[in-house]
Amino acid sequence: MVGITALWLPILLSAVIVFVASSVIHMVLGYHKSDVKKVPNEEAARSGLRGADIPPGDYVIPHAPGMKEMGSPEMVQKYQEGPVLLMTVWPNRVPAMGKSLGMWFAYLLIVGVLVAYIAGRSLTGPQEYMTVFRFTSVVAFLAYAGAEAHNSIWWARSWSTTAKNMFDGLVYGLLTGGTFAGFWP
């Protein structure tokens, strides 16, 4: 067994490396630019939604209170008439990137601690680079990308966005695995 304290360096370094890699992916490579689209007639949509005074949160339109009501003639008509959407409403302010980046880095540290815990309990003593790399890469990939598919399955997110997010998770997993393998005690 390898304790988490013996793995503090790969925990911290992997968080920094993945943070930098995610910045490059989103700010330089630009393949996520097509993840969201502009609403046609945005000003009319904004005006109508602004008038609804919707507080921040997650919403679905049309909304059925239960499964029984989803099949009612009234709900079926609403679905057919459209629009049908799932939306997240943010507070009315410029998005706070600093807070989001801070939470992202904290998440990266948590993933690192979990990878260290699982690897430390599973890989006892000195190990070959590739053994640690394969094991920790898979664990990190599952942490970064394992739950992405449910967004397309249940929430209608485009599969192309999900595939890109899972590819990012693979990159992050490989970087994490390489860091843990390189600094394994």
Foldseek 3Di string as FASTA:
>chain_A
DADLVLVPVLLLVLLVVLLVVVCCVVPPVPPCVVQDDADVVNVVVCVVVVVVVDDFDKDWPPDDPDPVRCPDPVNVVRVVVDDTAIDGDDPPDDDDVVVVSVVSSVLSSVLSSVLCVVCPVVPPDDDALVVQLVSQLVSQLCSQQVPLVVCCVPVVRDVVSSVVSSVSSSVSSNSSSNSCSVSPD
